Amino acid sequence: MLIVEADILVRMEAADTVRDVGLTAHEAADADEALATLTAHPEIGIVLLDSEASGTMDGLALARFVRDRWPPVRLILVCGGLTRPDQLPADVMLARKPYQTQQISALLRDASLAPA
């Protein structure tokens, strides 16, 4: 699974949560690193990303790109504010900032169990 988060401390905490539910954690600080990681690791099946990701695209654009390029990948979008449903690609799970470990753990379990 891939975590896309600019804040290193938040990213590290999310990676710990990912490992706690038994998944391998790959990390990216921005959209560019995320795309490079997804290309290099086709086994990644879940992406947890900040809606305000930086790089060549923001988190919403990255989510749409991932949905188009890697349709089976499960997406969990973490938002600090309101996100209109019409802005989201299909089948995106939403989480709110600040990260809540229990909420992220539950979403990861749901994403891991959902059929591709």
N, C-alpha and C. Protein backbone atom coordinates (compact mmCIF):
# COMPACT_ATOMS: atom_id res chain seq x y z
N MET A 1 0.84 -1.17 0.00
CA MET A 1 0.00 0.00 0.00
C MET A 1 0.88 1.22 0.00
N LEU A 2 0.36 2.31 -0.53
CA LEU A 2 1.12 3.55 -0.68
C LEU A 2 0.45 4.67 0.11
N ILE A 3 1.27 5.41 0.86
CA ILE A 3 0.81 6.58 1.60
C ILE A 3 1.40 7.81 0.93
N VAL A 4 0.54 8.75 0.54
CA VAL A 4 1.00 9.99 -0.09
C VAL A 4 0.65 11.14 0.86
N GLU A 5 1.68 11.68 1.51
CA GLU A 5 1.50 12.72 2.52
C GLU A 5 2.78 13.53 2.61
N ALA A 6 2.66 14.86 2.53
CA ALA A 6 3.83 15.73 2.56
C ALA A 6 4.45 15.82 3.95
N ASP A 7 3.64 15.82 4.98
CA ASP A 7 4.13 15.96 6.35
C ASP A 7 4.76 14.65 6.80
N ILE A 8 6.07 14.65 7.02
CA ILE A 8 6.81 13.44 7.34
C ILE A 8 6.28 12.75 8.60
N LEU A 9 5.93 13.53 9.63
CA LEU A 9 5.45 12.92 10.87
C LEU A 9 4.09 12.26 10.68
N VAL A 10 3.21 12.90 9.94
CA VAL A 10 1.90 12.32 9.65
C VAL A 10 2.07 11.07 8.80
N ARG A 11 2.96 11.15 7.81
CA ARG A 11 3.22 10.01 6.93
C ARG A 11 3.77 8.83 7.72
N MET A 12 4.70 9.10 8.65
CA MET A 12 5.27 8.03 9.47
C MET A 12 4.21 7.38 10.36
N GLU A 13 3.33 8.18 10.92
CA GLU A 13 2.26 7.64 11.76
C GLU A 13 1.30 6.78 10.92
N ALA A 14 0.98 7.27 9.73
CA ALA A 14 0.11 6.48 8.84
C ALA A 14 0.80 5.17 8.45
N ALA A 15 2.10 5.21 8.20
CA ALA A 15 2.84 4.00 7.85
C ALA A 15 2.81 3.00 9.00
N ASP A 16 2.93 3.49 10.23
CA ASP A 16 2.82 2.59 11.40
C ASP A 16 1.45 1.94 11.45
N THR A 17 0.40 2.72 11.17
CA THR A 17 -0.96 2.18 11.17
C THR A 17 -1.10 1.10 10.10
N VAL A 18 -0.54 1.36 8.92
CA VAL A 18 -0.58 0.40 7.82
C VAL A 18 0.10 -0.91 8.23
N ARG A 19 1.26 -0.79 8.81
CA ARG A 19 1.98 -1.99 9.25
C ARG A 19 1.23 -2.72 10.36
N ASP A 20 0.56 -1.97 11.24
CA ASP A 20 -0.20 -2.57 12.33
C ASP A 20 -1.35 -3.45 11.82
N VAL A 21 -1.90 -3.12 10.64
CA VAL A 21 -2.96 -3.96 10.08
C VAL A 21 -2.41 -5.04 9.15
N GLY A 22 -1.08 -5.15 9.10
CA GLY A 22 -0.45 -6.24 8.37
C GLY A 22 -0.13 -5.97 6.92
N LEU A 23 -0.11 -4.72 6.51
CA LEU A 23 0.21 -4.38 5.13
C LEU A 23 1.62 -3.79 5.03
N THR A 24 2.22 -3.89 3.87
CA THR A 24 3.50 -3.27 3.59
C THR A 24 3.26 -1.80 3.26
N ALA A 25 4.04 -0.91 3.86
CA ALA A 25 3.86 0.52 3.65
C ALA A 25 4.95 1.08 2.75
N HIS A 26 4.53 1.66 1.62
CA HIS A 26 5.41 2.46 0.77
C HIS A 26 5.01 3.91 1.04
N GLU A 27 5.97 4.82 0.97
CA GLU A 27 5.68 6.22 1.29
C GLU A 27 6.11 7.15 0.16
N ALA A 28 5.32 8.21 -0.03
CA ALA A 28 5.64 9.24 -1.02
C ALA A 28 5.28 10.60 -0.42
N ALA A 29 6.15 11.59 -0.65
CA ALA A 29 5.92 12.93 -0.12
C ALA A 29 5.04 13.77 -1.03
N ASP A 30 4.94 13.40 -2.32
CA ASP A 30 4.15 14.20 -3.25
C ASP A 30 3.64 13.32 -4.40
N ALA A 31 2.87 13.93 -5.28
CA ALA A 31 2.27 13.20 -6.40
C ALA A 31 3.31 12.57 -7.31
N ASP A 32 4.41 13.27 -7.55
CA ASP A 32 5.45 12.75 -8.43
C ASP A 32 6.08 11.48 -7.86
N GLU A 33 6.40 11.50 -6.57
CA GLU A 33 6.94 10.30 -5.92
C GLU A 33 5.90 9.17 -5.94
N ALA A 34 4.65 9.53 -5.74
CA ALA A 34 3.58 8.53 -5.74
C ALA A 34 3.50 7.81 -7.08
N LEU A 35 3.53 8.56 -8.16
CA LEU A 35 3.44 7.95 -9.49
C LEU A 35 4.66 7.07 -9.77
N ALA A 36 5.83 7.52 -9.36
CA ALA A 36 7.04 6.72 -9.55
C ALA A 36 6.95 5.42 -8.74
N THR A 37 6.44 5.51 -7.53
CA THR A 37 6.31 4.32 -6.68
C THR A 37 5.28 3.36 -7.24
N LEU A 38 4.15 3.87 -7.69
CA LEU A 38 3.13 2.99 -8.28
C LEU A 38 3.64 2.29 -9.53
N THR A 39 4.42 2.99 -10.33
CA THR A 39 4.99 2.40 -11.53
C THR A 39 6.00 1.32 -11.18
N ALA A 40 6.81 1.57 -10.16
CA ALA A 40 7.86 0.62 -9.76
C ALA A 40 7.32 -0.57 -8.97
N HIS A 41 6.14 -0.41 -8.37
CA HIS A 41 5.57 -1.47 -7.51
C HIS A 41 4.14 -1.78 -7.94
N PRO A 42 3.97 -2.55 -9.01
CA PRO A 42 2.62 -2.86 -9.50
C PRO A 42 1.78 -3.68 -8.51
N GLU A 43 2.41 -4.20 -7.47
CA GLU A 43 1.66 -4.97 -6.47
C GLU A 43 0.87 -4.08 -5.51
N ILE A 44 1.11 -2.78 -5.53
CA ILE A 44 0.38 -1.86 -4.63
C ILE A 44 -1.10 -1.88 -5.02
N GLY A 45 -1.93 -2.16 -4.03
CA GLY A 45 -3.37 -2.27 -4.29
C GLY A 45 -4.21 -1.22 -3.60
N ILE A 46 -3.59 -0.45 -2.68
CA ILE A 46 -4.32 0.58 -1.94
C ILE A 46 -3.44 1.83 -1.88
N VAL A 47 -4.06 2.99 -2.10
CA VAL A 47 -3.35 4.26 -1.96
C VAL A 47 -4.14 5.13 -0.99
N LEU A 48 -3.45 5.56 0.06
CA LEU A 48 -3.98 6.52 1.03
C LEU A 48 -3.35 7.86 0.68
N LEU A 49 -4.16 8.84 0.28
CA LEU A 49 -3.56 10.10 -0.16
C LEU A 49 -4.26 11.31 0.41
N ASP A 50 -3.47 12.32 0.65
CA ASP A 50 -3.94 13.60 1.14
C ASP A 50 -4.54 14.37 -0.04
N SER A 51 -5.73 14.92 0.15
CA SER A 51 -6.37 15.68 -0.94
C SER A 51 -5.54 16.90 -1.33
N GLU A 52 -4.67 17.34 -0.43
CA GLU A 52 -3.84 18.51 -0.70
C GLU A 52 -2.41 18.11 -1.06
N ALA A 53 -2.24 16.93 -1.62
CA ALA A 53 -0.90 16.47 -2.02
C ALA A 53 -0.27 17.50 -2.95
N SER A 54 1.04 17.56 -2.90
CA SER A 54 1.76 18.52 -3.75
C SER A 54 2.42 17.79 -4.90
N GLY A 55 3.18 18.53 -5.68
CA GLY A 55 3.84 17.96 -6.86
C GLY A 55 3.18 18.50 -8.11
N THR A 56 3.21 17.71 -9.16
CA THR A 56 2.64 18.18 -10.43
C THR A 56 1.13 18.18 -10.43
N MET A 57 0.51 17.58 -9.40
CA MET A 57 -0.95 17.59 -9.29
C MET A 57 -1.35 17.51 -7.82
N ASP A 58 -2.55 18.00 -7.51
CA ASP A 58 -3.03 17.90 -6.14
C ASP A 58 -3.61 16.51 -5.91
N GLY A 59 -4.08 16.26 -4.70
CA GLY A 59 -4.58 14.94 -4.35
C GLY A 59 -5.78 14.48 -5.15
N LEU A 60 -6.70 15.39 -5.45
CA LEU A 60 -7.87 15.02 -6.25
C LEU A 60 -7.46 14.63 -7.67
N ALA A 61 -6.58 15.41 -8.25
CA ALA A 61 -6.10 15.09 -9.60
C ALA A 61 -5.32 13.78 -9.59
N LEU A 62 -4.52 13.56 -8.54
CA LEU A 62 -3.78 12.31 -8.42
C LEU A 62 -4.74 11.13 -8.29
N ALA A 63 -5.78 11.29 -7.49
CA ALA A 63 -6.78 10.22 -7.33
C ALA A 63 -7.42 9.89 -8.68
N ARG A 64 -7.78 10.91 -9.45
CA ARG A 64 -8.38 10.67 -10.77
C ARG A 64 -7.38 9.97 -11.69
N PHE A 65 -6.12 10.39 -11.66
CA PHE A 65 -5.10 9.78 -12.50
C PHE A 65 -4.89 8.32 -12.14
N VAL A 66 -4.79 8.04 -10.84
CA VAL A 66 -4.61 6.65 -10.40
C VAL A 66 -5.82 5.81 -10.81
N ARG A 67 -7.02 6.36 -10.64
CA ARG A 67 -8.24 5.61 -11.02
C ARG A 67 -8.22 5.27 -12.51
N ASP A 68 -7.77 6.21 -13.36
CA ASP A 68 -7.73 5.97 -14.80
C ASP A 68 -6.61 5.01 -15.19
N ARG A 69 -5.44 5.15 -14.58
CA ARG A 69 -4.27 4.35 -14.97
C ARG A 69 -4.24 2.98 -14.32
N TRP A 70 -4.67 2.90 -13.06
CA TRP A 70 -4.66 1.64 -12.31
C TRP A 70 -6.05 1.43 -11.71
N PRO A 71 -7.05 1.09 -12.52
CA PRO A 71 -8.43 0.98 -12.02
C PRO A 71 -8.64 0.06 -10.82
N PRO A 72 -7.90 -1.04 -10.68
CA PRO A 72 -8.15 -1.91 -9.52
C PRO A 72 -7.65 -1.35 -8.18
N VAL A 73 -6.80 -0.33 -8.21
CA VAL A 73 -6.23 0.22 -6.98
C VAL A 73 -7.34 0.87 -6.16
N ARG A 74 -7.40 0.52 -4.88
CA ARG A 74 -8.35 1.13 -3.95
C ARG A 74 -7.79 2.47 -3.50
N LEU A 75 -8.66 3.48 -3.43
CA LEU A 75 -8.24 4.83 -3.06
C LEU A 75 -8.91 5.26 -1.76
N ILE A 76 -8.09 5.77 -0.84
CA ILE A 76 -8.61 6.38 0.38
C ILE A 76 -8.10 7.82 0.37
N LEU A 77 -9.01 8.76 0.25
CA LEU A 77 -8.66 10.18 0.16
C LEU A 77 -8.90 10.83 1.52
N VAL A 78 -7.86 11.47 2.05
CA VAL A 78 -7.94 12.13 3.35
C VAL A 78 -8.10 13.63 3.09
N CYS A 79 -9.18 14.20 3.63
CA CYS A 79 -9.51 15.60 3.38
C CYS A 79 -9.58 16.37 4.69
N GLY A 80 -9.13 17.60 4.66
CA GLY A 80 -9.24 18.47 5.81
C GLY A 80 -10.55 19.24 5.82
N GLY A 81 -11.09 19.49 4.65
CA GLY A 81 -12.33 20.26 4.53
C GLY A 81 -13.38 19.46 3.77
N LEU A 82 -14.38 20.18 3.33
CA LEU A 82 -15.46 19.54 2.58
C LEU A 82 -15.01 19.23 1.16
N THR A 83 -15.38 18.07 0.69
CA THR A 83 -15.11 17.68 -0.68
C THR A 83 -16.44 17.31 -1.31
N ARG A 84 -16.73 17.91 -2.44
CA ARG A 84 -17.99 17.61 -3.12
C ARG A 84 -17.89 16.25 -3.79
N PRO A 85 -18.91 15.41 -3.65
CA PRO A 85 -18.87 14.08 -4.25
C PRO A 85 -18.64 14.09 -5.77
N ASP A 86 -19.10 15.14 -6.46
CA ASP A 86 -18.92 15.19 -7.91
C ASP A 86 -17.46 15.46 -8.30
N GLN A 87 -16.62 15.81 -7.34
CA GLN A 87 -15.20 16.03 -7.61
C GLN A 87 -14.39 14.74 -7.52
N LEU A 88 -14.98 13.71 -6.96
CA LEU A 88 -14.24 12.48 -6.67
C LEU A 88 -14.36 11.46 -7.80
N PRO A 89 -13.29 10.72 -8.02
CA PRO A 89 -13.40 9.59 -8.96
C PRO A 89 -14.26 8.50 -8.32
N ALA A 90 -14.67 7.54 -9.10
CA ALA A 90 -15.52 6.46 -8.62
C ALA A 90 -14.82 5.65 -7.54
N ASP A 91 -15.61 5.15 -6.60
CA ASP A 91 -15.15 4.20 -5.59
C ASP A 91 -14.01 4.71 -4.72
N VAL A 92 -14.09 5.95 -4.29
CA VAL A 92 -13.09 6.51 -3.39
C VAL A 92 -13.65 6.49 -1.97
N MET A 93 -12.86 5.98 -1.04
CA MET A 93 -13.23 6.03 0.37
C MET A 93 -12.71 7.35 0.93
N LEU A 94 -13.47 7.97 1.81
CA LEU A 94 -13.07 9.26 2.38
C LEU A 94 -12.73 9.13 3.85
N ALA A 95 -11.72 9.86 4.26
CA ALA A 95 -11.35 9.98 5.68
C ALA A 95 -11.12 11.46 5.93
N ARG A 96 -11.29 11.87 7.15
CA ARG A 96 -11.12 13.28 7.51
C ARG A 96 -9.83 13.48 8.29
N LYS A 97 -9.24 14.66 8.07
CA LYS A 97 -8.10 15.07 8.88
C LYS A 97 -8.65 15.71 10.14
N PRO A 98 -7.96 15.65 11.24
CA PRO A 98 -6.68 14.96 11.39
C PRO A 98 -6.87 13.45 11.34
N TYR A 99 -5.80 12.75 10.95
CA TYR A 99 -5.83 11.30 10.87
C TYR A 99 -6.28 10.71 12.20
N GLN A 100 -7.22 9.81 12.13
CA GLN A 100 -7.63 9.05 13.30
C GLN A 100 -7.21 7.61 13.04
N THR A 101 -6.32 7.10 13.85
CA THR A 101 -5.75 5.77 13.63
C THR A 101 -6.83 4.71 13.47
N GLN A 102 -7.85 4.74 14.32
CA GLN A 102 -8.91 3.73 14.24
C GLN A 102 -9.69 3.83 12.93
N GLN A 103 -9.96 5.05 12.49
CA GLN A 103 -10.68 5.24 11.23
C GLN A 103 -9.86 4.73 10.05
N ILE A 104 -8.57 5.07 10.02
CA ILE A 104 -7.71 4.63 8.93
C ILE A 104 -7.58 3.11 8.94
N SER A 105 -7.42 2.52 10.12
CA SER A 105 -7.33 1.06 10.23
C SER A 105 -8.58 0.39 9.67
N ALA A 106 -9.74 0.91 10.02
CA ALA A 106 -11.00 0.34 9.53
C ALA A 106 -11.11 0.48 8.02
N LEU A 107 -10.74 1.64 7.47
CA LEU A 107 -10.79 1.83 6.02
C LEU A 107 -9.81 0.91 5.31
N LEU A 108 -8.63 0.71 5.89
CA LEU A 108 -7.65 -0.20 5.28
C LEU A 108 -8.18 -1.63 5.26
N ARG A 109 -8.80 -2.04 6.34
CA ARG A 109 -9.38 -3.39 6.37
C ARG A 109 -10.47 -3.52 5.31
N ASP A 110 -11.35 -2.50 5.23
CA ASP A 110 -12.43 -2.52 4.22
C ASP A 110 -11.85 -2.56 2.81
N ALA A 111 -10.84 -1.75 2.55
CA ALA A 111 -10.23 -1.70 1.22
C ALA A 111 -9.54 -3.02 0.89
N SER A 112 -8.94 -3.64 1.89
CA SER A 112 -8.24 -4.92 1.67
C SER A 112 -9.22 -6.04 1.36
N LEU A 113 -10.42 -5.97 1.92
CA LEU A 113 -11.41 -7.03 1.75
C LEU A 113 -12.29 -6.83 0.53
N ALA A 114 -12.37 -5.60 0.03
CA ALA A 114 -13.27 -5.30 -1.10
C ALA A 114 -12.77 -5.97 -2.37
N PRO A 115 -13.69 -6.53 -3.17
CA PRO A 115 -13.27 -7.14 -4.42
C PRO A 115 -12.77 -6.10 -5.39
N ALA A 116 -11.78 -6.46 -6.19
CA ALA A 116 -11.21 -5.53 -7.18
C ALA A 116 -12.12 -5.37 -8.36
